[in-house]
């Protein structure tokens, strides 16, 4: 194409030399725009990290500092005190009872929601999420009104010598209610993604419903179930509101570790309160570590 033809297609008042002269400016503007985007991203990250630091990092760090500022001896004496040990093992006992119960229930209700075809299935899902919406204190009060001495079943329970409120059974009920949805809610999406092809193939080959569940369904949903178990464990260990209502907070009898922390703090035993809080924090860290390890292993198995 000749120079005259080039001039014909060029915009009025624009020459090839002028266009070449403008291209560095455009590149400069592009670099400035990329720099602004990078600055905004860094600003958002710093804002998020600062928020997490102020909300989580600083309080947890302060608890650890106040716990160990006088050395290890007072901490060890506080955590090995009989009431502290009883509160710790009572919390572990509640977890050992509640987690298997909610695991079995969670798997069953997940299968019912995902595989069942009946009216009211969506309502069942809403009821399953009820513990997320209701305050634990309200749950504890409701259990007190139902199973207490003046409650609906109070007279019958008293006549048969059964004590639910202010004892271990009531604490199990409260802890089970607040940690109910986790296994089911982690299993339902896995079942949905799994589909029914493998189960139908097993049934076609003559497998019973139990054999299909044990050999096909359960291995496929195992990571969702395990992840839900970890979340249930964490929730059961840290439960305070509902248990505080139904337990009576009797020291050395119905006092879990979170209740023990409050009791020590209200009685100005800051060393005991901080030491028990550190034990709870370490249990929480162990739970988070377990969740991350399980997530990585599940991802690795999925990729393979």
Foldseek 3Di string as FASTA:
>chain_A
DDLVVVVVPDPPPDDPVNVVVCVVVVVVVVVVVVVVVVVVVVVVVVVVVVVCCVVPVVVVVVLVCVQDVPHDVLLVVLCPPLLNVLQAVLLVVLLVPQLVVLLVVLVVLLCCLQVNDDPCSVVSVVVLCVLVPDDLLVVLVVLCQDCPCPHPCNVVCVVVVHHCFQASNVLSVSLNNNLRNQLNVLQNVQDVVVDCPQLVVCVVVPDDPVRSCVPPVCVSRVLSSVLSSLSSSLSSLPDDNNLVNRNVCDGPGSRHLVNQLVVCVVVVVSNSNSSSVVVNVVSVVVSVVVNVVSVVVVVVVVVD
